[in-house]
Each structure stands twice: as C-alpha cells, then as structure tokens.
C-alpha cells in the first residue's frame, strides 16, 4: 500500500473513533507503524491530511451524485435516485461522513472552512438543477428555500443514522423524503431566500478550476494509470482541450470510458461541467 494512502486510511479510523482534535500526529504515526518524519514527507501538517481526506471522499461522493442525477432519464425516479445515491454514498463512506458533518459545525480553520464550503456549493448546484428540472416555473420564487430544505433533510437523516446506529431502511427513507420534498415544492408559498440572498450567501470559492489545471491533472493521472482504454481516452480528451476537434457525442463517450476509474472520477466530473454535458 502507498504510504500516503496508508496514513489516510489509518488516520480516518482514528478520527472516526475519537475525533480530529483528540488525535495527535504521534498517535497516527504509531498506528501506521511509521516515523513522524515519514508522515511529514507525505503531509506538511495534520490540517493538510484532513484536507486530503475531504478531497478524496468528496470527489467520489459529488461525482457519483452528479452523474446519477444527470443520467436518470425518468423524472418520476429522479428525486428518489438523488436521495438513494446520497445516502448510499454516506453509508459507504460512513467514517468520513461522520467527520465531515462534525467538521462543518466545529472547524475554525479557515482553509478547512473554505474547502468544506467549496463542496457544499457544488452540492447546492446539483440540487438546484434537480429542482429546476422537476418543478420548473412553479417554484421560481421558492426554489432557493427548497435547496436548503433538501440539504436540511439530507443532513438531519444522515446524522440520525450515522451517530445513533439506528437500522436503516434506505428505500423507505428515500420514499418518505421524496414525498416530503414534493409537498414542500407544491405548498410552500412564502419565500424567504431570494436569488439575491442566495448569491450573497455564496462563500468565495478559491478553487475554480481552469482549463490549464485540468490539462495538468490529466497529464498526472495518465502517468499513474495503466488501463489502456482509460489512458487513451485521457490522451484524446487532453488533445481536445488543447485543440477542439471532437464532437460532443465523442467527448461524452470518452468521459464515460474514464468516469468509473477511481483516479479519474474528479477529472471526469470537471470535464462534464466544463463542456456542460448533461
């Protein structure tokens, strides 16, 4: 196992058991069976390790949810699919999800707050696209309130099952939340959050990705993977970024080739957004 990956996995176990603040670097290195020097060769600090954990898991969670929402053709199944994918992802990465929920309310580290808000804004964008697709002009005045209602439902029920070890009937939960969301969309008539409020509430995102950064990311991933299909697809996508020659259908096909590879999830998500592919 790569040392950096080992540190992240073992640190996650400790963080989930006793919390981030209560876990010193020395305990992490003892648990990994490595020296402090080896730790600092991989991470400059514990905060950098935490940020790496947030990136590692949120990349997977956001990319999976975004893909499922965009590729669910039946509107009647869209909301259920959204909730199911979200709770499935949180359950799959339950140790990380516990830490992430706690850090959102407890962190005073500016860099961590910016990182958390970055992924929060991406999730809000997914939810907004879902609301506009399902309810259209009927919720024009209340759609921003609906975003926060849906986020509240997600966070509350996630915390219930993550921190209380309650048995989870995921299918029933998602059916219940679909009903609640539809009722809110149909009957909410007094808007609280306006478009202007929503824009004002946005926290500055310091991580807007440029085309050049995506190209650099592709070059790095291409060195790390060996699978010929994904490697060739990345090469073609990089060439298309430098000099666009491919049709949207071919670009989408190339993205489908790479999106499930664990090293390619984030770059595929960024490229889907960059090319505005539904």
Protein backbone atom coordinates (compact mmCIF):
# COMPACT_ATOMS: atom_id res chain seq x y z
CA UNK A 1 0.00 0.00 0.00
CA UNK A 2 1.28 3.52 -0.85
CA UNK A 3 2.42 5.30 2.36
CA UNK A 4 0.19 8.32 1.78
CA UNK A 5 -2.85 6.09 1.32
CA UNK A 6 -1.92 4.10 4.45
CA UNK A 7 -1.74 7.29 6.53
CA UNK A 8 -5.11 8.49 5.23
CA UNK A 9 -6.85 5.17 5.94
CA UNK A 10 -5.41 4.77 9.44
CA UNK A 11 -5.98 8.43 10.35
CA UNK A 12 -9.61 8.15 9.22
CA UNK A 13 -10.12 5.19 11.57
CA UNK A 14 -8.69 7.16 14.50
CA UNK A 15 -10.60 10.35 13.66
CA UNK A 16 -13.87 8.40 13.49
CA UNK A 17 -13.19 6.74 16.85
CA UNK A 18 -12.06 9.70 18.92
CA UNK A 19 -12.37 12.89 16.88
CA UNK A 20 -9.86 15.01 15.00
CA UNK A 21 -8.80 17.30 17.85
CA UNK A 22 -8.14 14.34 20.16
CA UNK A 23 -5.88 12.59 17.64
CA UNK A 24 -2.27 13.88 17.57
CA UNK A 25 0.15 13.17 14.74
CA UNK A 26 2.20 10.94 17.04
CA UNK A 27 -0.77 8.62 17.56
CA UNK A 28 -1.36 8.46 13.80
CA UNK A 29 2.25 7.53 13.11
CA UNK A 30 2.24 4.90 15.88
CA UNK A 31 -0.96 3.41 14.46
CA UNK A 32 0.57 3.34 10.97
CA UNK A 33 3.87 1.93 12.20
CA UNK A 34 5.88 4.76 10.63
CA UNK A 35 8.07 7.59 11.90
CA UNK A 36 6.99 11.22 12.23
CA UNK A 37 9.50 12.05 9.51
CA UNK A 38 7.73 9.67 7.13
CA UNK A 39 4.42 11.35 7.97
CA UNK A 40 5.76 14.83 7.19
CA UNK A 41 7.16 13.63 3.88
CA UNK A 42 3.55 12.91 2.85
CA UNK A 43 1.73 15.75 4.64
CA UNK A 44 3.04 19.09 5.88
CA UNK A 45 0.60 19.07 8.80
CA UNK A 46 -2.46 17.36 10.26
CA UNK A 47 -4.63 20.01 8.61
CA UNK A 48 -3.20 19.09 5.21
CA UNK A 49 -4.05 15.44 5.94
CA UNK A 50 -7.64 16.41 6.82
CA UNK A 51 -7.97 18.42 3.61
CA UNK A 52 -6.64 15.45 1.62
CA UNK A 53 -9.28 13.23 3.25
CA UNK A 54 -12.05 15.71 2.43
CA UNK A 55 -10.88 15.91 -1.20
CA UNK A 56 -10.52 12.14 -1.54
CA UNK A 57 -14.03 11.30 -0.38
CA UNK A 58 -15.99 14.36 -1.53
CA UNK A 59 -14.63 13.91 -5.06
CA UNK A 60 -16.19 10.45 -5.14
CA UNK A 61 -19.46 11.44 -3.45
CA UNK A 62 -20.12 14.57 -5.54
CA UNK A 63 -19.14 12.89 -8.80
CA UNK A 64 -21.40 9.88 -8.15
CA UNK A 65 -24.43 12.01 -7.19
CA UNK A 66 -23.95 14.40 -10.11
CA UNK A 67 -23.65 11.53 -12.59
CA UNK A 68 -26.76 9.74 -11.32
CA UNK A 69 -28.85 12.92 -11.42
CA UNK A 70 -27.75 13.79 -14.96
CA UNK A 71 -28.26 10.26 -16.25
CA UNK A 72 -31.65 9.47 -14.72
CA UNK A 73 -33.96 9.99 -17.68
CA UNK A 74 -37.26 9.32 -15.90
CA UNK A 75 -38.27 12.43 -13.93
CA UNK A 76 -40.54 10.30 -11.74
CA UNK A 77 -37.45 8.46 -10.46
CA UNK A 78 -35.10 11.44 -10.27
CA UNK A 79 -35.70 12.60 -6.70
CA UNK A 80 -35.63 9.05 -5.32
CA UNK A 81 -32.39 8.36 -7.20
CA UNK A 82 -30.84 11.54 -5.79
CA UNK A 83 -31.67 10.67 -2.19
CA UNK A 84 -30.76 7.00 -2.59
CA UNK A 85 -27.37 7.77 -4.15
CA UNK A 86 -26.64 10.35 -1.44
CA UNK A 87 -27.41 8.03 1.47
CA UNK A 88 -25.69 5.11 -0.23
CA UNK A 89 -22.53 7.24 -0.59
CA UNK A 90 -22.68 8.38 3.04
CA UNK A 91 -23.20 4.78 4.21
CA UNK A 92 -20.36 3.54 2.01
CA UNK A 93 -18.02 6.16 3.46
CA UNK A 94 -19.61 6.33 6.92
CA UNK A 95 -16.39 7.06 8.87
CA UNK A 96 -15.63 10.00 6.62
CA UNK A 97 -19.26 11.21 6.63
CA UNK A 98 -19.24 11.40 10.45
CA UNK A 99 -16.09 13.51 10.38
CA UNK A 100 -17.35 15.74 7.58
CA UNK A 101 -20.65 16.50 9.34
CA UNK A 102 -18.84 17.34 12.59
CA UNK A 103 -16.22 19.50 10.87
CA UNK A 104 -18.91 21.61 9.18
CA UNK A 105 -20.07 22.80 12.61
CA UNK A 106 -16.85 22.69 14.65
CA UNK A 107 -13.98 23.76 12.40
CA UNK A 108 -12.33 27.13 12.94
CA UNK A 109 -9.56 26.52 10.43
CA UNK A 110 -10.08 28.95 7.53
CA UNK A 111 -8.63 26.61 4.92
CA UNK A 112 -10.86 23.75 6.06
CA UNK A 113 -13.92 26.03 6.08
CA UNK A 114 -13.17 27.15 2.50
CA UNK A 115 -12.74 23.52 1.43
CA UNK A 116 -16.00 22.42 3.07
CA UNK A 117 -17.90 25.34 1.55
CA UNK A 118 -16.44 24.56 -1.88
CA UNK A 119 -18.02 21.11 -1.90
CA UNK A 120 -21.18 22.44 -0.28
CA UNK A 121 -21.63 24.86 -3.18
CA UNK A 122 -21.14 22.05 -5.69
CA UNK A 123 -23.87 20.06 -3.92
CA UNK A 124 -26.17 23.09 -3.97
CA UNK A 125 -25.63 23.37 -7.72
CA UNK A 126 -26.68 19.75 -8.20
CA UNK A 127 -29.78 20.25 -6.04
CA UNK A 128 -30.74 23.45 -7.88
CA UNK A 129 -30.52 21.73 -11.27
CA UNK A 130 -32.69 18.91 -9.93
CA UNK A 131 -35.32 21.34 -8.57
CA UNK A 132 -35.49 23.33 -11.81
CA UNK A 133 -35.83 20.16 -13.85
CA UNK A 134 -38.60 18.67 -11.69
CA UNK A 135 -40.68 21.71 -10.76
CA UNK A 136 -39.79 24.40 -13.30
CA UNK A 137 -41.52 27.76 -13.04
CA UNK A 138 -43.87 26.54 -10.28
CA UNK A 139 -41.08 27.06 -7.74
CA UNK A 140 -39.40 30.09 -9.31
CA UNK A 141 -39.92 32.12 -6.12
CA UNK A 142 -39.19 29.33 -3.64
CA UNK A 143 -36.51 27.20 -5.28
CA UNK A 144 -33.69 28.64 -3.17
CA UNK A 145 -35.61 27.83 0.01
CA UNK A 146 -36.08 24.32 -1.36
CA UNK A 147 -32.31 23.89 -1.72
CA UNK A 148 -31.84 24.49 1.99
CA UNK A 149 -34.85 22.33 2.89
CA UNK A 150 -33.40 19.40 0.91
CA UNK A 151 -29.95 19.94 2.44
CA UNK A 152 -31.55 20.02 5.88
CA UNK A 153 -33.35 16.73 5.26
CA UNK A 154 -30.14 15.12 3.98
CA UNK A 155 -28.05 16.30 6.94
CA UNK A 156 -30.63 15.53 9.62
CA UNK A 157 -31.38 11.99 8.49
CA UNK A 158 -27.71 11.27 7.76
CA UNK A 159 -26.78 12.31 11.29
CA UNK A 160 -29.62 10.21 12.73
CA UNK A 161 -28.29 7.01 11.20
CA UNK A 162 -24.58 7.77 11.37
CA UNK A 163 -24.42 8.77 15.03
CA UNK A 164 -27.18 6.66 16.59
CA UNK A 165 -26.53 3.34 14.86
CA UNK A 166 -30.23 3.16 14.00
CA UNK A 167 -31.25 0.48 11.48
CA UNK A 168 -31.62 1.98 8.03
CA UNK A 169 -34.34 1.04 5.57
CA UNK A 170 -32.87 3.16 2.79
CA UNK A 171 -35.71 2.51 0.34
CA UNK A 172 -38.40 3.61 2.82
CA UNK A 173 -36.37 6.64 3.89
CA UNK A 174 -35.96 7.80 0.29
CA UNK A 175 -39.67 7.28 -0.48
CA UNK A 176 -40.52 9.34 2.60
CA UNK A 177 -38.16 12.15 1.64
CA UNK A 178 -39.49 12.23 -1.92
CA UNK A 179 -43.00 12.72 -0.50
CA UNK A 180 -41.82 15.46 1.88
CA UNK A 181 -39.91 17.27 -0.86
CA UNK A 182 -42.86 17.16 -3.25
CA UNK A 183 -45.14 18.55 -0.54
CA UNK A 184 -42.71 21.39 0.15
CA UNK A 185 -42.42 22.17 -3.56
CA UNK A 186 -46.20 22.12 -4.02
CA UNK A 187 -47.31 24.04 -0.95
CA UNK A 188 -44.55 26.46 0.03
CA UNK A 189 -45.85 29.91 -0.83
CA UNK A 190 -43.84 32.32 1.32
CA UNK A 191 -40.28 32.63 0.01
CA UNK A 192 -37.55 33.53 2.47
CA UNK A 193 -34.37 33.19 0.42
CA UNK A 194 -34.32 35.21 -2.80
CA UNK A 195 -31.97 34.84 -5.75
CA UNK A 196 -30.05 37.85 -4.43
CA UNK A 197 -29.79 36.28 -0.97
CA UNK A 198 -28.55 33.05 -2.48
CA UNK A 199 -25.84 34.84 -4.43
CA UNK A 200 -24.85 36.88 -1.39
CA UNK A 201 -24.66 33.76 0.80
CA UNK A 202 -22.13 32.20 -1.55
CA UNK A 203 -18.75 31.89 0.09
CA UNK A 204 -15.77 32.72 -2.09
CA UNK A 205 -14.54 29.61 -3.85
CA UNK A 206 -10.79 29.74 -4.22
CA UNK A 207 -10.68 26.55 -6.24
CA UNK A 208 -12.25 27.41 -9.57
CA UNK A 209 -10.55 25.04 -11.98
CA UNK A 210 -9.04 26.40 -15.21
CA UNK A 211 -8.54 24.53 -18.48
CA UNK A 212 -4.79 24.54 -17.86
CA UNK A 213 -5.28 22.92 -14.45
CA UNK A 214 -7.47 20.20 -15.97
CA UNK A 215 -4.79 19.51 -18.59
CA UNK A 216 -2.17 19.26 -15.85
CA UNK A 217 -4.45 16.93 -13.90
CA UNK A 218 -4.93 14.69 -16.97
CA UNK A 219 -1.17 14.52 -17.54
CA UNK A 220 -0.59 13.45 -13.94
CA UNK A 221 -3.35 10.81 -13.98
CA UNK A 222 -2.09 9.44 -17.29
CA UNK A 223 1.25 8.68 -15.61
CA UNK A 224 -0.46 6.88 -12.72
CA UNK A 225 -2.86 4.54 -14.52
CA UNK A 226 -2.12 1.54 -16.70
CA UNK A 227 -5.54 0.61 -18.16
CA UNK A 228 -5.29 1.18 -21.94
CA UNK A 229 -8.89 2.31 -22.52
CA UNK A 230 -8.81 4.97 -19.81
CA UNK A 231 -5.28 6.06 -20.72
CA UNK A 232 -6.12 6.51 -24.41
CA UNK A 233 -9.35 8.32 -23.55
CA UNK A 234 -7.44 10.75 -21.33
CA UNK A 235 -4.93 11.43 -24.12
CA UNK A 236 -7.75 12.22 -26.57
CA UNK A 237 -9.53 14.44 -24.03
CA UNK A 238 -6.33 16.36 -23.38
CA UNK A 239 -5.77 16.85 -27.11
CA UNK A 240 -9.35 18.09 -27.46
CA UNK A 241 -8.81 20.62 -24.67
CA UNK A 242 -5.71 21.94 -26.42
CA UNK A 243 -7.28 21.92 -29.90
CA UNK A 244 -11.03 21.13 -30.06
CA UNK A 245 -11.76 18.69 -32.90
CA UNK A 246 -14.17 16.13 -31.42
CA UNK A 247 -17.96 16.13 -31.49
CA UNK A 248 -19.91 16.41 -28.20
CA UNK A 249 -21.04 12.79 -28.60
CA UNK A 250 -17.43 11.54 -28.85
CA UNK A 251 -16.38 13.67 -25.85
CA UNK A 252 -19.24 12.23 -23.81
CA UNK A 253 -18.23 8.72 -24.85
CA UNK A 254 -14.63 9.32 -23.79
CA UNK A 255 -15.83 10.65 -20.44
CA UNK A 256 -17.95 7.53 -19.97
CA UNK A 257 -14.79 5.50 -20.55
CA UNK A 258 -12.98 7.12 -17.64
CA UNK A 259 -15.63 8.17 -15.13
CA UNK A 260 -15.72 4.93 -13.10
CA UNK A 261 -11.95 4.67 -12.70
CA UNK A 262 -11.10 5.76 -9.12
CA UNK A 263 -8.27 8.02 -10.34
CA UNK A 264 -10.45 9.65 -12.99
CA UNK A 265 -13.69 10.47 -11.15
CA UNK A 266 -12.81 14.06 -10.34
CA UNK A 267 -11.35 14.97 -13.71
CA UNK A 268 -14.37 13.40 -15.47
CA UNK A 269 -16.70 15.43 -13.24
CA UNK A 270 -14.77 18.62 -14.02
CA UNK A 271 -14.87 17.88 -17.75
CA UNK A 272 -18.60 17.14 -17.67
CA UNK A 273 -19.05 20.60 -16.12
CA UNK A 274 -16.52 22.26 -18.43
CA UNK A 275 -18.30 21.01 -21.56
CA UNK A 276 -21.77 21.40 -19.97
CA UNK A 277 -22.64 17.83 -20.89
CA UNK A 278 -25.93 16.56 -19.46
